[in-house]
N, C-alpha and C. Protein backbone atom coordinates (compact mmCIF):
# COMPACT_ATOMS: atom_id res chain seq x y z
N VAL A 1 -81.49 -30.02 -132.63
CA VAL A 1 -82.11 -28.80 -132.83
C VAL A 1 -82.39 -28.14 -131.39
N ARG A 2 -81.99 -26.79 -131.41
CA ARG A 2 -82.14 -26.25 -130.02
C ARG A 2 -82.55 -24.73 -130.24
N LYS A 3 -82.96 -24.02 -129.22
CA LYS A 3 -83.18 -22.67 -129.29
C LYS A 3 -81.81 -21.97 -129.43
N LEU A 4 -81.97 -20.69 -130.06
CA LEU A 4 -80.66 -19.95 -130.31
C LEU A 4 -79.74 -19.70 -129.08
N GLY A 5 -78.46 -20.00 -129.32
CA GLY A 5 -77.38 -19.71 -128.30
C GLY A 5 -77.11 -21.02 -127.34
N LYS A 6 -77.71 -22.12 -127.72
CA LYS A 6 -77.54 -23.26 -126.79
C LYS A 6 -76.52 -24.30 -127.31
N LEU A 7 -76.19 -24.14 -128.66
CA LEU A 7 -75.05 -25.02 -129.24
C LEU A 7 -73.74 -24.45 -129.40
N PRO A 8 -72.70 -25.32 -129.06
CA PRO A 8 -71.29 -24.75 -129.05
C PRO A 8 -70.62 -24.57 -130.42
N ALA A 9 -70.94 -25.41 -131.37
CA ALA A 9 -70.15 -25.42 -132.65
C ALA A 9 -70.78 -24.60 -133.73
N GLU A 10 -70.34 -24.63 -134.84
CA GLU A 10 -70.98 -23.80 -136.04
C GLU A 10 -72.32 -24.22 -136.36
N THR A 11 -73.34 -23.27 -136.40
CA THR A 11 -74.73 -23.66 -136.62
C THR A 11 -75.27 -22.77 -137.80
N ILE A 12 -76.49 -23.25 -138.16
CA ILE A 12 -77.43 -22.57 -139.05
C ILE A 12 -78.56 -22.34 -138.22
N THR A 13 -79.27 -21.24 -138.52
CA THR A 13 -80.52 -20.79 -137.77
C THR A 13 -81.70 -20.54 -138.76
N VAL A 14 -82.82 -20.58 -137.98
CA VAL A 14 -84.11 -20.15 -138.79
C VAL A 14 -84.97 -19.50 -137.68
N GLU A 15 -85.57 -18.47 -138.04
CA GLU A 15 -86.62 -17.79 -137.31
C GLU A 15 -88.06 -18.33 -137.55
N TYR A 16 -88.82 -18.73 -136.78
CA TYR A 16 -90.17 -19.24 -136.99
C TYR A 16 -91.22 -18.57 -136.08
N ALA A 17 -92.49 -18.69 -136.62
CA ALA A 17 -93.62 -17.84 -135.87
C ALA A 17 -94.21 -18.69 -134.74
N LEU A 18 -94.45 -17.97 -133.76
CA LEU A 18 -95.30 -18.59 -132.61
C LEU A 18 -96.62 -17.98 -132.60
N GLU A 19 -97.54 -18.43 -131.84
CA GLU A 19 -98.78 -17.97 -131.79
C GLU A 19 -98.85 -16.38 -131.42
N TYR A 20 -97.90 -15.99 -130.53
CA TYR A 20 -97.83 -14.54 -130.22
C TYR A 20 -96.50 -13.87 -130.23
N GLY A 21 -95.76 -14.37 -131.42
CA GLY A 21 -94.42 -13.63 -131.57
C GLY A 21 -93.66 -14.64 -132.48
N SER A 22 -92.28 -14.75 -132.15
CA SER A 22 -91.46 -15.55 -133.01
C SER A 22 -90.29 -15.98 -132.06
N ASN A 23 -89.50 -16.98 -132.68
CA ASN A 23 -88.50 -17.50 -131.90
C ASN A 23 -87.41 -17.97 -132.86
N THR A 24 -86.20 -18.45 -132.48
CA THR A 24 -85.13 -18.88 -133.47
C THR A 24 -84.66 -20.24 -133.02
N LEU A 25 -84.56 -21.12 -134.00
CA LEU A 25 -83.91 -22.49 -133.74
C LEU A 25 -82.62 -22.43 -134.35
N GLU A 26 -81.69 -23.43 -134.02
CA GLU A 26 -80.36 -23.61 -134.71
C GLU A 26 -80.04 -25.21 -134.58
N ILE A 27 -79.19 -25.56 -135.64
CA ILE A 27 -78.70 -26.85 -135.66
C ILE A 27 -77.29 -26.86 -136.10
N HIS A 28 -76.59 -27.77 -135.53
CA HIS A 28 -75.20 -27.89 -136.04
C HIS A 28 -75.09 -28.18 -137.55
N ARG A 29 -74.23 -27.51 -138.20
CA ARG A 29 -74.04 -27.82 -139.62
C ARG A 29 -73.77 -29.24 -139.92
N ASP A 30 -73.09 -29.91 -139.09
CA ASP A 30 -72.79 -31.33 -139.36
C ASP A 30 -73.62 -32.42 -138.65
N ALA A 31 -74.73 -31.91 -138.17
CA ALA A 31 -75.57 -32.81 -137.30
C ALA A 31 -76.23 -33.97 -138.10
N ILE A 32 -76.54 -33.73 -139.43
CA ILE A 32 -77.18 -34.77 -140.11
C ILE A 32 -76.28 -35.01 -141.41
N ARG A 33 -76.00 -36.20 -141.51
CA ARG A 33 -75.12 -36.60 -142.82
C ARG A 33 -76.10 -36.97 -143.91
N PRO A 34 -75.60 -36.71 -145.13
CA PRO A 34 -76.44 -37.04 -146.20
C PRO A 34 -76.76 -38.54 -146.22
N GLY A 35 -78.14 -38.79 -146.44
CA GLY A 35 -78.64 -40.17 -146.43
C GLY A 35 -79.07 -40.67 -145.17
N GLU A 36 -78.88 -39.92 -143.95
CA GLU A 36 -79.41 -40.13 -142.76
C GLU A 36 -80.75 -40.04 -142.80
N LYS A 37 -81.69 -40.79 -141.93
CA LYS A 37 -83.02 -40.45 -141.70
C LYS A 37 -83.13 -39.86 -140.43
N VAL A 38 -84.19 -38.84 -140.35
CA VAL A 38 -84.49 -38.14 -139.12
C VAL A 38 -85.90 -38.15 -138.80
N LEU A 39 -86.20 -38.52 -137.50
CA LEU A 39 -87.67 -38.38 -137.06
C LEU A 39 -87.76 -37.15 -136.11
N ILE A 40 -88.71 -36.30 -136.50
CA ILE A 40 -88.96 -35.14 -135.78
C ILE A 40 -90.19 -35.32 -134.84
N VAL A 41 -90.07 -35.15 -133.57
CA VAL A 41 -91.01 -35.43 -132.56
C VAL A 41 -91.29 -34.03 -131.88
N ASP A 42 -92.45 -33.55 -131.80
CA ASP A 42 -92.69 -32.35 -130.99
C ASP A 42 -93.90 -32.85 -129.83
N ASP A 43 -93.64 -32.61 -128.69
CA ASP A 43 -94.52 -32.94 -127.61
C ASP A 43 -95.70 -31.94 -127.44
N LEU A 44 -95.79 -30.97 -128.27
CA LEU A 44 -96.86 -29.92 -128.19
C LEU A 44 -97.00 -29.30 -129.51
N LEU A 45 -98.16 -29.54 -130.16
CA LEU A 45 -98.29 -28.88 -131.46
C LEU A 45 -99.54 -27.88 -131.35
N ALA A 46 -99.14 -26.61 -131.40
CA ALA A 46 -100.19 -25.49 -131.38
C ALA A 46 -100.29 -24.88 -132.80
N THR A 47 -99.26 -24.19 -133.20
CA THR A 47 -99.24 -23.64 -134.51
C THR A 47 -98.56 -24.43 -135.64
N GLY A 48 -97.71 -25.25 -135.08
CA GLY A 48 -96.82 -25.96 -136.02
C GLY A 48 -95.66 -25.20 -136.38
N GLY A 49 -95.36 -24.10 -135.77
CA GLY A 49 -94.12 -23.18 -136.03
C GLY A 49 -92.81 -24.02 -135.69
N THR A 50 -92.81 -24.62 -134.70
CA THR A 50 -91.52 -25.33 -134.27
C THR A 50 -91.23 -26.44 -135.31
N VAL A 51 -92.25 -27.20 -135.65
CA VAL A 51 -91.97 -28.26 -136.52
C VAL A 51 -91.58 -27.75 -137.99
N LYS A 52 -92.30 -26.85 -138.34
CA LYS A 52 -92.05 -26.04 -139.65
C LYS A 52 -90.66 -25.54 -139.79
N GLY A 53 -90.11 -24.88 -138.68
CA GLY A 53 -88.84 -24.38 -138.44
C GLY A 53 -87.83 -25.40 -138.52
N THR A 54 -88.05 -26.50 -137.89
CA THR A 54 -87.30 -27.72 -137.70
C THR A 54 -86.91 -28.31 -139.21
N ILE A 55 -88.07 -28.41 -139.98
CA ILE A 55 -88.11 -28.83 -141.32
C ILE A 55 -87.24 -27.96 -142.23
N GLU A 56 -87.41 -26.63 -142.05
CA GLU A 56 -86.66 -25.73 -142.86
C GLU A 56 -85.21 -25.75 -142.53
N LEU A 57 -84.80 -25.96 -141.17
CA LEU A 57 -83.34 -26.07 -140.90
C LEU A 57 -82.77 -27.35 -141.60
N ILE A 58 -83.50 -28.41 -141.45
CA ILE A 58 -82.92 -29.65 -142.15
C ILE A 58 -82.83 -29.52 -143.64
N GLU A 59 -83.79 -28.79 -144.30
CA GLU A 59 -83.71 -28.65 -145.68
C GLU A 59 -82.57 -27.64 -146.13
N ARG A 60 -82.11 -26.72 -145.13
CA ARG A 60 -81.00 -25.90 -145.48
C ARG A 60 -79.68 -26.59 -145.52
N LEU A 61 -79.68 -27.75 -144.83
CA LEU A 61 -78.43 -28.64 -144.93
C LEU A 61 -78.49 -29.26 -146.37
N LYS A 62 -77.57 -29.01 -147.18
CA LYS A 62 -77.48 -29.53 -148.48
C LYS A 62 -77.70 -30.99 -148.64
N ASP A 63 -78.42 -31.30 -149.67
CA ASP A 63 -78.51 -32.70 -150.09
C ASP A 63 -79.26 -33.55 -149.01
N ARG A 64 -80.20 -32.82 -148.32
CA ARG A 64 -81.11 -33.53 -147.43
C ARG A 64 -82.50 -33.32 -147.85
N GLN A 65 -83.27 -34.44 -147.81
CA GLN A 65 -84.70 -34.39 -148.08
C GLN A 65 -85.54 -34.49 -146.85
N VAL A 66 -86.59 -33.80 -146.84
CA VAL A 66 -87.45 -34.04 -145.66
C VAL A 66 -88.95 -34.42 -146.03
N HIS A 67 -89.40 -35.37 -145.35
CA HIS A 67 -90.65 -35.92 -145.45
C HIS A 67 -91.29 -35.94 -144.12
N SER A 68 -92.51 -35.39 -144.05
CA SER A 68 -93.06 -35.29 -142.73
C SER A 68 -94.59 -35.83 -142.75
N VAL A 69 -94.92 -36.18 -141.48
CA VAL A 69 -96.34 -36.65 -141.25
C VAL A 69 -96.62 -35.96 -139.80
N ILE A 70 -97.76 -35.41 -139.73
CA ILE A 70 -98.08 -34.85 -138.41
C ILE A 70 -99.49 -35.50 -138.05
N GLN A 71 -99.59 -36.09 -136.88
CA GLN A 71 -100.66 -36.74 -136.37
C GLN A 71 -101.08 -36.01 -135.11
N TYR A 72 -102.25 -35.68 -134.95
CA TYR A 72 -102.85 -35.03 -133.62
C TYR A 72 -104.19 -35.58 -133.23
């Protein structure tokens, strides 16, 4: 998962809210295969927008389920 414009292959994108604006994330369409498990780690949790956007990206990949736990 990267900020918009950083990945070379076909991607899907999601716009997410920041504390003072918005940003866009993208992921390769084939980055996660069905059945694979993914751990999302964010080094700074302010509004949760980046994590929420990442979860939404993964959910947009068909046949993927997302379960999340956030500890602060």
